[in-house]
């Protein structure tokens, strides 16, 4: 990092000035346990801050950054601070990591291979017969990776569906491929097909929080509040710090006139993700609920 001595300590003021960040932002990251609270910073601390700045500039939600860091510490032995020890970057709103020249999704551990255009064209040809030297599960993983790559490169959706479908045909327990198929149909407003694949994903892996969350979204869209609540709550049971599930539950409880429960989930969401654009909406909705409660209380005899 230009302008920094790797052995020197820097004050909070120096760090704020050089990295162009505010004291409030530092305090927010400290409160979120993304960085440690300190009065002076070493070189590795500056690397961590620079990584955070890049991720936030790409509008990666704080909850997703925290989830990615926790997953990397758990998945990779010997890694205590992924922000300084690994190369992290944003792909859309996902956090990815580069290890030994290969990209990996920070949460799922799924390798995301980098191909040049010639290799992508070769992949799009879809070989008619998988190599016999691999087991069905390995072939399923291969087709799942191909589906991910095709999605990222903007391939025709029919090719993406074919890749994920081949993964499921080879391994019916390929929960990731099932969820991705469900999401493709969800985005196409084909609720029947989306529901089928999400339910199959949960049958394949009952502890797959994302599958429950996505199914909750589907039932929410269909105005089936009871089923939506069930699956959002299941997602939270599996992953208590699931910020997006708290957010959607708050909205749902608000819609069905249960303001106290809505406030409970807005509060939980804001503890997990206090600095995002969505947090602005959460605070606004929570204030509306509190104001309505005050008005109703004032009207009682």
C-alpha atoms as a PDB file:
ATOM      1  CA  UNK A   1       0.000   0.000   0.000  1.00  0.00           C
ATOM      2  CA  UNK A   2       1.575   3.223  -1.150  1.00  0.00           C
ATOM      3  CA  UNK A   3       2.555   5.643   1.583  1.00  0.00           C
ATOM      4  CA  UNK A   4       2.562   3.111   4.433  1.00  0.00           C
ATOM      5  CA  UNK A   5       5.445   1.530   6.294  1.00  0.00           C
ATOM      6  CA  UNK A   6       4.633  -2.118   7.112  1.00  0.00           C
ATOM      7  CA  UNK A   7       6.224  -1.768  10.588  1.00  0.00           C
ATOM      8  CA  UNK A   8       4.707   1.558  11.605  1.00  0.00           C
ATOM      9  CA  UNK A   9       1.565   2.210  13.677  1.00  0.00           C
ATOM     10  CA  UNK A  10      -0.959   4.781  12.494  1.00  0.00           C
ATOM     11  CA  UNK A  11      -3.478   6.778  14.480  1.00  0.00           C
ATOM     12  CA  UNK A  12      -7.184   6.737  13.775  1.00  0.00           C
ATOM     13  CA  UNK A  13      -6.911  10.234  12.316  1.00  0.00           C
ATOM     14  CA  UNK A  14      -4.109   9.225   9.939  1.00  0.00           C
ATOM     15  CA  UNK A  15      -6.019   6.157   8.792  1.00  0.00           C
ATOM     16  CA  UNK A  16      -9.212   8.145   8.194  1.00  0.00           C
ATOM     17  CA  UNK A  17      -7.332  10.777   6.207  1.00  0.00           C
ATOM     18  CA  UNK A  18      -5.373   8.400   3.980  1.00  0.00           C
ATOM     19  CA  UNK A  19      -8.222   5.954   3.343  1.00  0.00           C
ATOM     20  CA  UNK A  20     -10.841   8.720   3.154  1.00  0.00           C
ATOM     21  CA  UNK A  21     -13.260   7.140   5.642  1.00  0.00           C
ATOM     22  CA  UNK A  22     -15.145   8.693   8.523  1.00  0.00           C
ATOM     23  CA  UNK A  23     -14.844   8.028  12.242  1.00  0.00           C
ATOM     24  CA  UNK A  24     -18.476   6.927  12.178  1.00  0.00           C
ATOM     25  CA  UNK A  25     -17.710   4.277   9.541  1.00  0.00           C
ATOM     26  CA  UNK A  26     -14.804   2.977  11.621  1.00  0.00           C
ATOM     27  CA  UNK A  27     -17.050   2.701  14.656  1.00  0.00           C
ATOM     28  CA  UNK A  28     -19.753   0.914  12.668  1.00  0.00           C
ATOM     29  CA  UNK A  29     -17.284  -1.703  11.411  1.00  0.00           C
ATOM     30  CA  UNK A  30     -15.943  -2.138  14.938  1.00  0.00           C
ATOM     31  CA  UNK A  31     -19.463  -2.569  16.322  1.00  0.00           C
ATOM     32  CA  UNK A  32     -20.160  -5.159  13.632  1.00  0.00           C
ATOM     33  CA  UNK A  33     -16.969  -7.055  14.619  1.00  0.00           C
ATOM     34  CA  UNK A  34     -15.579  -6.710  11.113  1.00  0.00           C
ATOM     35  CA  UNK A  35     -12.465  -5.077  12.593  1.00  0.00           C
ATOM     36  CA  UNK A  36     -11.111  -4.856  16.131  1.00  0.00           C
ATOM     37  CA  UNK A  37     -11.513  -1.661  18.154  1.00  0.00           C
ATOM     38  CA  UNK A  38      -8.109   0.049  18.436  1.00  0.00           C
ATOM     39  CA  UNK A  39      -6.529   3.498  18.717  1.00  0.00           C
ATOM     40  CA  UNK A  40      -3.641   2.718  16.402  1.00  0.00           C
ATOM     41  CA  UNK A  41      -3.496   0.530  13.318  1.00  0.00           C
ATOM     42  CA  UNK A  42      -0.786  -1.648  11.844  1.00  0.00           C
ATOM     43  CA  UNK A  43      -0.200  -2.463   8.216  1.00  0.00           C
ATOM     44  CA  UNK A  44      -2.401  -5.591   8.246  1.00  0.00           C
ATOM     45  CA  UNK A  45      -5.239  -3.549   9.765  1.00  0.00           C
ATOM     46  CA  UNK A  46      -4.979  -1.164   6.836  1.00  0.00           C
ATOM     47  CA  UNK A  47      -5.211  -4.073   4.412  1.00  0.00           C
ATOM     48  CA  UNK A  48      -8.387  -5.217   6.163  1.00  0.00           C
ATOM     49  CA  UNK A  49      -9.875  -1.727   5.958  1.00  0.00           C
ATOM     50  CA  UNK A  50      -9.018  -1.411   2.291  1.00  0.00           C
ATOM     51  CA  UNK A  51     -10.745  -4.742   1.578  1.00  0.00           C
ATOM     52  CA  UNK A  52     -13.842  -3.564   3.461  1.00  0.00           C
ATOM     53  CA  UNK A  53     -13.885  -0.294   1.552  1.00  0.00           C
ATOM     54  CA  UNK A  54     -13.781  -2.127  -1.790  1.00  0.00           C
ATOM     55  CA  UNK A  55     -16.571  -4.529  -0.794  1.00  0.00           C
ATOM     56  CA  UNK A  56     -18.789  -1.694   0.438  1.00  0.00           C
ATOM     57  CA  UNK A  57     -18.134   0.351  -2.718  1.00  0.00           C
ATOM     58  CA  UNK A  58     -19.517  -2.638  -4.616  1.00  0.00           C
ATOM     59  CA  UNK A  59     -22.610  -2.421  -2.341  1.00  0.00           C
ATOM     60  CA  UNK A  60     -22.061  -5.832  -0.794  1.00  0.00           C
ATOM     61  CA  UNK A  61     -24.387  -5.952   2.260  1.00  0.00           C
ATOM     62  CA  UNK A  62     -22.662  -5.953   5.625  1.00  0.00           C
ATOM     63  CA  UNK A  63     -24.482  -9.110   6.676  1.00  0.00           C
ATOM     64  CA  UNK A  64     -23.109 -10.885   3.613  1.00  0.00           C
ATOM     65  CA  UNK A  65     -19.557  -9.715   4.355  1.00  0.00           C
ATOM     66  CA  UNK A  66     -19.860 -11.005   7.928  1.00  0.00           C
ATOM     67  CA  UNK A  67     -21.306 -14.296   6.718  1.00  0.00           C
ATOM     68  CA  UNK A  68     -18.465 -14.687   4.218  1.00  0.00           C
ATOM     69  CA  UNK A  69     -15.747 -13.978   6.815  1.00  0.00           C
ATOM     70  CA  UNK A  70     -17.261 -16.458   9.270  1.00  0.00           C
ATOM     71  CA  UNK A  71     -17.547 -19.138   6.605  1.00  0.00           C
ATOM     72  CA  UNK A  72     -13.940 -18.654   5.498  1.00  0.00           C
ATOM     73  CA  UNK A  73     -12.595 -18.911   9.061  1.00  0.00           C
ATOM     74  CA  UNK A  74     -14.553 -22.118   9.530  1.00  0.00           C
ATOM     75  CA  UNK A  75     -13.691 -23.607   6.153  1.00  0.00           C
ATOM     76  CA  UNK A  76      -9.986 -22.723   5.877  1.00  0.00           C
ATOM     77  CA  UNK A  77      -7.652 -23.946   8.612  1.00  0.00           C
ATOM     78  CA  UNK A  78      -5.108 -21.403   9.806  1.00  0.00           C
ATOM     79  CA  UNK A  79      -7.027 -18.376   8.496  1.00  0.00           C
ATOM     80  CA  UNK A  80      -7.944 -16.033  11.348  1.00  0.00           C
ATOM     81  CA  UNK A  81      -8.445 -12.767   9.445  1.00  0.00           C
ATOM     82  CA  UNK A  82      -9.611 -13.346   5.856  1.00  0.00           C
ATOM     83  CA  UNK A  83      -9.595  -9.610   5.166  1.00  0.00           C
ATOM     84  CA  UNK A  84      -5.798  -9.495   5.459  1.00  0.00           C
ATOM     85  CA  UNK A  85      -4.781 -13.066   4.616  1.00  0.00           C
ATOM     86  CA  UNK A  86      -6.856 -13.642   1.485  1.00  0.00           C
ATOM     87  CA  UNK A  87      -7.756 -11.794  -1.696  1.00  0.00           C
ATOM     88  CA  UNK A  88     -11.458 -10.930  -1.397  1.00  0.00           C
ATOM     89  CA  UNK A  89     -13.557  -9.206  -4.002  1.00  0.00           C
ATOM     90  CA  UNK A  90     -17.186  -8.689  -4.976  1.00  0.00           C
ATOM     91  CA  UNK A  91     -19.037 -10.517  -7.730  1.00  0.00           C
ATOM     92  CA  UNK A  92     -22.374  -8.731  -7.811  1.00  0.00           C
ATOM     93  CA  UNK A  93     -23.378  -8.775  -4.158  1.00  0.00           C
ATOM     94  CA  UNK A  94     -21.508 -11.998  -3.380  1.00  0.00           C
ATOM     95  CA  UNK A  95     -18.107 -12.140  -1.724  1.00  0.00           C
ATOM     96  CA  UNK A  96     -15.587 -14.332  -3.496  1.00  0.00           C
ATOM     97  CA  UNK A  97     -12.036 -15.300  -2.595  1.00  0.00           C
ATOM     98  CA  UNK A  98      -8.988 -16.193  -4.673  1.00  0.00           C
ATOM     99  CA  UNK A  99      -6.853 -19.089  -3.413  1.00  0.00           C
ATOM    100  CA  UNK A 100      -3.926 -20.442  -5.400  1.00  0.00           C
ATOM    101  CA  UNK A 101      -5.191 -18.676  -8.510  1.00  0.00           C
ATOM    102  CA  UNK A 102      -8.691 -20.170  -8.303  1.00  0.00           C
ATOM    103  CA  UNK A 103     -11.888 -18.385  -7.311  1.00  0.00           C
ATOM    104  CA  UNK A 104     -14.162 -19.743  -4.612  1.00  0.00           C
ATOM    105  CA  UNK A 105     -17.520 -18.627  -3.280  1.00  0.00           C
ATOM    106  CA  UNK A 106     -16.684 -17.537   0.265  1.00  0.00           C
ATOM    107  CA  UNK A 107     -19.846 -18.991   1.832  1.00  0.00           C
ATOM    108  CA  UNK A 108     -20.540 -22.229  -0.053  1.00  0.00           C
ATOM    109  CA  UNK A 109     -16.920 -23.126  -0.809  1.00  0.00           C
ATOM    110  CA  UNK A 110     -17.974 -23.778  -4.405  1.00  0.00           C
ATOM    111  CA  UNK A 111     -15.065 -23.244  -6.771  1.00  0.00           C
ATOM    112  CA  UNK A 112     -15.796 -20.777  -9.547  1.00  0.00           C
ATOM    113  CA  UNK A 113     -13.417 -21.407 -12.395  1.00  0.00           C
ATOM    114  CA  UNK A 114     -12.041 -18.622 -14.571  1.00  0.00           C
ATOM    115  CA  UNK A 115     -12.291 -19.451 -18.291  1.00  0.00           C
ATOM    116  CA  UNK A 116     -11.298 -17.433 -21.316  1.00  0.00           C
ATOM    117  CA  UNK A 117     -13.821 -16.912 -24.126  1.00  0.00           C
ATOM    118  CA  UNK A 118     -12.597 -19.927 -26.123  1.00  0.00           C
ATOM    119  CA  UNK A 119     -13.063 -22.177 -23.113  1.00  0.00           C
ATOM    120  CA  UNK A 120     -16.530 -20.763 -22.470  1.00  0.00           C
ATOM    121  CA  UNK A 121     -17.543 -21.518 -26.068  1.00  0.00           C
ATOM    122  CA  UNK A 122     -16.279 -25.084 -25.622  1.00  0.00           C
ATOM    123  CA  UNK A 123     -18.332 -25.468 -22.445  1.00  0.00           C
ATOM    124  CA  UNK A 124     -21.448 -24.235 -24.207  1.00  0.00           C
ATOM    125  CA  UNK A 125     -21.217 -27.149 -26.635  1.00  0.00           C
ATOM    126  CA  UNK A 126     -22.416 -29.512 -23.837  1.00  0.00           C
ATOM    127  CA  UNK A 127     -20.602 -32.807 -24.475  1.00  0.00           C
ATOM    128  CA  UNK A 128     -23.180 -35.531 -25.070  1.00  0.00           C
ATOM    129  CA  UNK A 129     -21.544 -38.031 -22.758  1.00  0.00           C
ATOM    130  CA  UNK A 130     -19.755 -37.345 -19.457  1.00  0.00           C
ATOM    131  CA  UNK A 131     -16.318 -38.806 -18.912  1.00  0.00           C
ATOM    132  CA  UNK A 132     -16.640 -42.332 -17.557  1.00  0.00           C
ATOM    133  CA  UNK A 133     -13.693 -41.987 -15.176  1.00  0.00           C
ATOM    134  CA  UNK A 134     -15.732 -39.794 -12.809  1.00  0.00           C
ATOM    135  CA  UNK A 135     -18.373 -40.911 -10.338  1.00  0.00           C
ATOM    136  CA  UNK A 136     -21.961 -39.677 -10.833  1.00  0.00           C
ATOM    137  CA  UNK A 137     -21.550 -37.309  -7.886  1.00  0.00           C
ATOM    138  CA  UNK A 138     -18.367 -35.842  -9.384  1.00  0.00           C
ATOM    139  CA  UNK A 139     -20.126 -35.416 -12.715  1.00  0.00           C
ATOM    140  CA  UNK A 140     -23.034 -33.759 -10.905  1.00  0.00           C
ATOM    141  CA  UNK A 141     -20.609 -31.293  -9.305  1.00  0.00           C
ATOM    142  CA  UNK A 142     -19.101 -30.650 -12.739  1.00  0.00           C
ATOM    143  CA  UNK A 143     -22.496 -29.764 -14.233  1.00  0.00           C
ATOM    144  CA  UNK A 144     -23.350 -27.613 -11.222  1.00  0.00           C
ATOM    145  CA  UNK A 145     -20.109 -25.642 -11.667  1.00  0.00           C
ATOM    146  CA  UNK A 146     -20.899 -25.308 -15.347  1.00  0.00           C
ATOM    147  CA  UNK A 147     -24.350 -23.957 -14.542  1.00  0.00           C
ATOM    148  CA  UNK A 148     -22.798 -21.335 -12.251  1.00  0.00           C
ATOM    149  CA  UNK A 149     -20.316 -20.316 -14.912  1.00  0.00           C
ATOM    150  CA  UNK A 150     -22.993 -20.098 -17.586  1.00  0.00           C
ATOM    151  CA  UNK A 151     -25.118 -17.877 -15.355  1.00  0.00           C
ATOM    152  CA  UNK A 152     -22.162 -15.573 -14.696  1.00  0.00           C
ATOM    153  CA  UNK A 153     -21.315 -15.249 -18.390  1.00  0.00           C
ATOM    154  CA  UNK A 154     -24.887 -14.478 -19.455  1.00  0.00           C
ATOM    155  CA  UNK A 155     -25.459 -17.689 -21.411  1.00  0.00           C
ATOM    156  CA  UNK A 156     -28.983 -18.497 -22.687  1.00  0.00           C
ATOM    157  CA  UNK A 157     -31.175 -19.522 -19.768  1.00  0.00           C
ATOM    158  CA  UNK A 158     -32.031 -22.788 -21.537  1.00  0.00           C
ATOM    159  CA  UNK A 159     -28.357 -23.802 -21.369  1.00  0.00           C
ATOM    160  CA  UNK A 160     -28.182 -22.887 -17.674  1.00  0.00           C
ATOM    161  CA  UNK A 161     -31.282 -24.987 -16.928  1.00  0.00           C
ATOM    162  CA  UNK A 162     -29.830 -27.890 -18.885  1.00  0.00           C
ATOM    163  CA  UNK A 163     -26.603 -27.810 -16.871  1.00  0.00           C
ATOM    164  CA  UNK A 164     -28.370 -27.722 -13.488  1.00  0.00           C
ATOM    165  CA  UNK A 165     -30.857 -30.387 -14.642  1.00  0.00           C
ATOM    166  CA  UNK A 166     -27.989 -32.701 -15.576  1.00  0.00           C
ATOM    167  CA  UNK A 167     -26.483 -32.142 -12.131  1.00  0.00           C
ATOM    168  CA  UNK A 168     -29.775 -33.148 -10.496  1.00  0.00           C
ATOM    169  CA  UNK A 169     -30.224 -36.157 -12.796  1.00  0.00           C
ATOM    170  CA  UNK A 170     -26.787 -37.444 -11.792  1.00  0.00           C
ATOM    171  CA  UNK A 171     -27.230 -36.602  -8.098  1.00  0.00           C
ATOM    172  CA  UNK A 172     -30.830 -36.060  -6.877  1.00  0.00           C
ATOM    173  CA  UNK A 173     -29.349 -34.710  -3.621  1.00  0.00           C
ATOM    174  CA  UNK A 174     -27.640 -31.811  -5.428  1.00  0.00           C
ATOM    175  CA  UNK A 175     -29.423 -29.213  -3.289  1.00  0.00           C
ATOM    176  CA  UNK A 176     -27.491 -26.265  -4.739  1.00  0.00           C
ATOM    177  CA  UNK A 177     -28.563 -27.113  -8.290  1.00  0.00           C
ATOM    178  CA  UNK A 178     -32.165 -27.615  -7.146  1.00  0.00           C
ATOM    179  CA  UNK A 179     -32.251 -24.213  -5.434  1.00  0.00           C
ATOM    180  CA  UNK A 180     -30.743 -22.513  -8.472  1.00  0.00           C
ATOM    181  CA  UNK A 181     -33.319 -24.142 -10.748  1.00  0.00           C
ATOM    182  CA  UNK A 182     -36.034 -22.962  -8.383  1.00  0.00           C
ATOM    183  CA  UNK A 183     -34.678 -19.426  -8.505  1.00  0.00           C
ATOM    184  CA  UNK A 184     -34.604 -19.419 -12.308  1.00  0.00           C
ATOM    185  CA  UNK A 185     -38.283 -20.347 -12.394  1.00  0.00           C
ATOM    186  CA  UNK A 186     -39.073 -17.940  -9.536  1.00  0.00           C
ATOM    187  CA  UNK A 187     -37.576 -15.067 -11.521  1.00  0.00           C
ATOM    188  CA  UNK A 188     -39.668 -16.210 -14.505  1.00  0.00           C
ATOM    189  CA  UNK A 189     -42.790 -16.049 -12.256  1.00  0.00           C
ATOM    190  CA  UNK A 190     -43.356 -19.780 -12.759  1.00  0.00           C
ATOM    191  CA  UNK A 191     -44.417 -20.453  -9.180  1.00  0.00           C
ATOM    192  CA  UNK A 192     -45.299 -24.120  -9.736  1.00  0.00           C
ATOM    193  CA  UNK A 193     -41.873 -25.119 -11.049  1.00  0.00           C
ATOM    194  CA  UNK A 194     -40.061 -22.913  -8.528  1.00  0.00           C
ATOM    195  CA  UNK A 195     -41.971 -24.464  -5.625  1.00  0.00           C
ATOM    196  CA  UNK A 196     -41.238 -27.966  -6.913  1.00  0.00           C
ATOM    197  CA  UNK A 197     -37.481 -27.407  -6.996  1.00  0.00           C
ATOM    198  CA  UNK A 198     -37.312 -25.573  -3.668  1.00  0.00           C
ATOM    199  CA  UNK A 199     -39.212 -28.399  -1.980  1.00  0.00           C
ATOM    200  CA  UNK A 200     -36.901 -30.946  -3.580  1.00  0.00           C
ATOM    201  CA  UNK A 201     -33.899 -28.985  -2.281  1.00  0.00           C
ATOM    202  CA  UNK A 202     -35.294 -29.082   1.262  1.00  0.00           C
ATOM    203  CA  UNK A 203     -35.984 -32.810   0.907  1.00  0.00           C
ATOM    204  CA  UNK A 204     -32.373 -33.278  -0.195  1.00  0.00           C
ATOM    205  CA  UNK A 205     -30.990 -31.108   2.634  1.00  0.00           C
ATOM    206  CA  UNK A 206     -33.434 -30.218   5.407  1.00  0.00           C
ATOM    207  CA  UNK A 207     -30.874 -27.822   6.951  1.00  0.00           C
ATOM    208  CA  UNK A 208     -30.462 -25.704   3.819  1.00  0.00           C
ATOM    209  CA  UNK A 209     -31.459 -22.266   5.158  1.00  0.00           C
ATOM    210  CA  UNK A 210     -31.376 -20.614   1.723  1.00  0.00           C
ATOM    211  CA  UNK A 211     -33.912 -23.108   0.345  1.00  0.00           C
ATOM    212  CA  UNK A 212     -36.318 -22.316   3.185  1.00  0.00           C
ATOM    213  CA  UNK A 213     -35.770 -18.578   2.724  1.00  0.00           C
ATOM    214  CA  UNK A 214     -36.413 -18.745  -1.020  1.00  0.00           C
ATOM    215  CA  UNK A 215     -39.528 -20.839  -0.485  1.00  0.00           C
ATOM    216  CA  UNK A 216     -40.694 -18.240   2.037  1.00  0.00           C
ATOM    217  CA  UNK A 217     -40.246 -15.572  -0.652  1.00  0.00           C
ATOM    218  CA  UNK A 218     -42.291 -17.651  -3.087  1.00  0.00           C
ATOM    219  CA  UNK A 219     -45.193 -18.104  -0.662  1.00  0.00           C
ATOM    220  CA  UNK A 220     -44.952 -14.431   0.261  1.00  0.00           C
ATOM    221  CA  UNK A 221     -45.414 -13.547  -3.413  1.00  0.00           C
ATOM    222  CA  UNK A 222     -48.413 -15.902  -3.558  1.00  0.00           C
ATOM    223  CA  UNK A 223     -49.874 -14.217  -0.436  1.00  0.00           C
ATOM    224  CA  UNK A 224     -49.777 -17.508   1.453  1.00  0.00           C
ATOM    225  CA  UNK A 225     -48.742 -15.893   4.723  1.00  0.00           C
ATOM    226  CA  UNK A 226     -48.866 -19.038   6.855  1.00  0.00           C
ATOM    227  CA  UNK A 227     -46.452 -20.961   4.639  1.00  0.00           C
ATOM    228  CA  UNK A 228     -44.234 -17.925   4.158  1.00  0.00           C
ATOM    229  CA  UNK A 229     -43.948 -17.476   7.934  1.00  0.00           C
ATOM    230  CA  UNK A 230     -43.170 -21.166   8.388  1.00  0.00           C
ATOM    231  CA  UNK A 231     -40.263 -21.157   5.951  1.00  0.00           C
ATOM    232  CA  UNK A 232     -38.812 -17.793   7.012  1.00  0.00           C
ATOM    233  CA  UNK A 233     -38.862 -19.041  10.604  1.00  0.00           C
ATOM    234  CA  UNK A 234     -37.256 -22.322   9.517  1.00  0.00           C
ATOM    235  CA  UNK A 235     -34.464 -20.346   7.834  1.00  0.00           C
ATOM    236  CA  UNK A 236     -33.909 -18.354  11.032  1.00  0.00           C
ATOM    237  CA  UNK A 237     -33.950 -21.501  13.155  1.00  0.00           C
ATOM    238  CA  UNK A 238     -31.128 -22.889  11.009  1.00  0.00           C
ATOM    239  CA  UNK A 239     -29.268 -19.562  10.784  1.00  0.00           C
ATOM    240  CA  UNK A 240     -30.279 -17.167  13.613  1.00  0.00           C
ATOM    241  CA  UNK A 241     -28.219 -14.281  12.168  1.00  0.00           C
ATOM    242  CA  UNK A 242     -29.918 -14.481   8.764  1.00  0.00           C
ATOM    243  CA  UNK A 243     -30.437 -10.735   8.273  1.00  0.00           C
ATOM    244  CA  UNK A 244     -32.548 -11.030   5.120  1.00  0.00           C
ATOM    245  CA  UNK A 245     -34.924 -13.452   6.842  1.00  0.00           C
ATOM    246  CA  UNK A 246     -35.404 -10.988   9.717  1.00  0.00           C
ATOM    247  CA  UNK A 247     -36.087  -8.232   7.164  1.00  0.00           C
ATOM    248  CA  UNK A 248     -38.712 -10.226   5.259  1.00  0.00           C
ATOM    249  CA  UNK A 249     -40.341 -11.483   8.456  1.00  0.00           C
ATOM    250  CA  UNK A 250     -40.644  -7.906   9.687  1.00  0.00           C
ATOM    251  CA  UNK A 251     -42.415  -6.900   6.482  1.00  0.00           C
ATOM    252  CA  UNK A 252     -44.683  -9.937   6.638  1.00  0.00           C
ATOM    253  CA  UNK A 253     -45.680  -9.375  10.271  1.00  0.00           C
ATOM    254  CA  UNK A 254     -46.336  -5.754   9.397  1.00  0.00           C
ATOM    255  CA  UNK A 255     -48.612  -6.841   6.544  1.00  0.00           C
ATOM    256  CA  UNK A 256     -50.657  -9.146   8.794  1.00  0.00           C
ATOM    257  CA  UNK A 257     -51.055  -6.507  11.534  1.00  0.00           C
ATOM    258  CA  UNK A 258     -48.679  -7.944  14.124  1.00  0.00           C
ATOM    259  CA  UNK A 259     -46.620  -4.795  14.812  1.00  0.00           C
ATOM    260  CA  UNK A 260     -44.847  -6.022  17.953  1.00  0.00           C
ATOM    261  CA  UNK A 261     -43.387  -9.010  16.119  1.00  0.00           C
ATOM    262  CA  UNK A 262     -42.517  -6.774  13.183  1.00  0.00           C
ATOM    263  CA  UNK A 263     -40.581  -4.412  15.478  1.00  0.00           C
ATOM    264  CA  UNK A 264     -38.796  -7.420  17.010  1.00  0.00           C
ATOM    265  CA  UNK A 265     -37.496  -8.501  13.600  1.00  0.00           C
ATOM    266  CA  UNK A 266     -36.701  -4.958  12.444  1.00  0.00           C
ATOM    267  CA  UNK A 267     -34.608  -4.572  15.587  1.00  0.00           C
ATOM    268  CA  UNK A 268     -32.816  -7.876  14.964  1.00  0.00           C
ATOM    269  CA  UNK A 269     -32.160  -6.906  11.355  1.00  0.00           C
ATOM    270  CA  UNK A 270     -30.682  -3.529  12.277  1.00  0.00           C
ATOM    271  CA  UNK A 271     -28.281  -5.173  14.734  1.00  0.00           C
ATOM    272  CA  UNK A 272     -26.998  -7.374  11.913  1.00  0.00           C
ATOM    273  CA  UNK A 273     -26.946  -4.832   9.091  1.00  0.00           C
ATOM    274  CA  UNK A 274     -27.100  -1.272  10.473  1.00  0.00           C
ATOM    275  CA  UNK A 275     -25.280   0.582   7.701  1.00  0.00           C
ATOM    276  CA  UNK A 276     -26.851  -0.565   4.428  1.00  0.00           C
ATOM    277  CA  UNK A 277     -29.457   1.183   2.298  1.00  0.00           C
ATOM    278  CA  UNK A 278     -31.949  -1.443   3.449  1.00  0.00           C
ATOM    279  CA  UNK A 279     -31.291  -0.366   7.046  1.00  0.00           C
ATOM    280  CA  UNK A 280     -32.655   3.085   6.158  1.00  0.00           C
ATOM    281  CA  UNK A 281     -35.918   1.442   5.115  1.00  0.00           C
ATOM    282  CA  UNK A 282     -35.945  -0.734   8.229  1.00  0.00           C
ATOM    283  CA  UNK A 283     -35.591   2.278  10.519  1.00  0.00           C
ATOM    284  CA  UNK A 284     -38.293   4.157   8.658  1.00  0.00           C
ATOM    285  CA  UNK A 285     -40.739   1.241   8.906  1.00  0.00           C
ATOM    286  CA  UNK A 286     -39.965   0.701  12.569  1.00  0.00           C
ATOM    287  CA  UNK A 287     -40.586   4.374  13.344  1.00  0.00           C
ATOM    288  CA  UNK A 288     -43.919   4.200  11.492  1.00  0.00           C
ATOM    289  CA  UNK A 289     -44.952   1.232  13.631  1.00  0.00           C
ATOM    290  CA  UNK A 290     -43.906   2.920  16.853  1.00  0.00           C
ATOM    291  CA  UNK A 291     -45.711   6.124  15.910  1.00  0.00           C
ATOM    292  CA  UNK A 292     -48.877   4.158  15.110  1.00  0.00           C
ATOM    293  CA  UNK A 293     -48.650   2.390  18.474  1.00  0.00           C
ATOM    294  CA  UNK A 294     -48.347   5.724  20.298  1.00  0.00           C
ATOM    295  CA  UNK A 295     -51.382   7.116  18.433  1.00  0.00           C
ATOM    296  CA  UNK A 296     -53.459   4.038  19.214  1.00  0.00           C
ATOM    297  CA  UNK A 297     -52.469   4.215  22.874  1.00  0.00           C
ATOM    298  CA  UNK A 298     -53.470   7.865  23.039  1.00  0.00           C
ATOM    299  CA  UNK A 299     -56.939   7.048  21.700  1.00  0.00           C
ATOM    300  CA  UNK A 300     -57.743   4.502  24.403  1.00  0.00           C
ATOM    301  CA  UNK A 301     -60.111   5.744  27.153  1.00  0.00           C
END
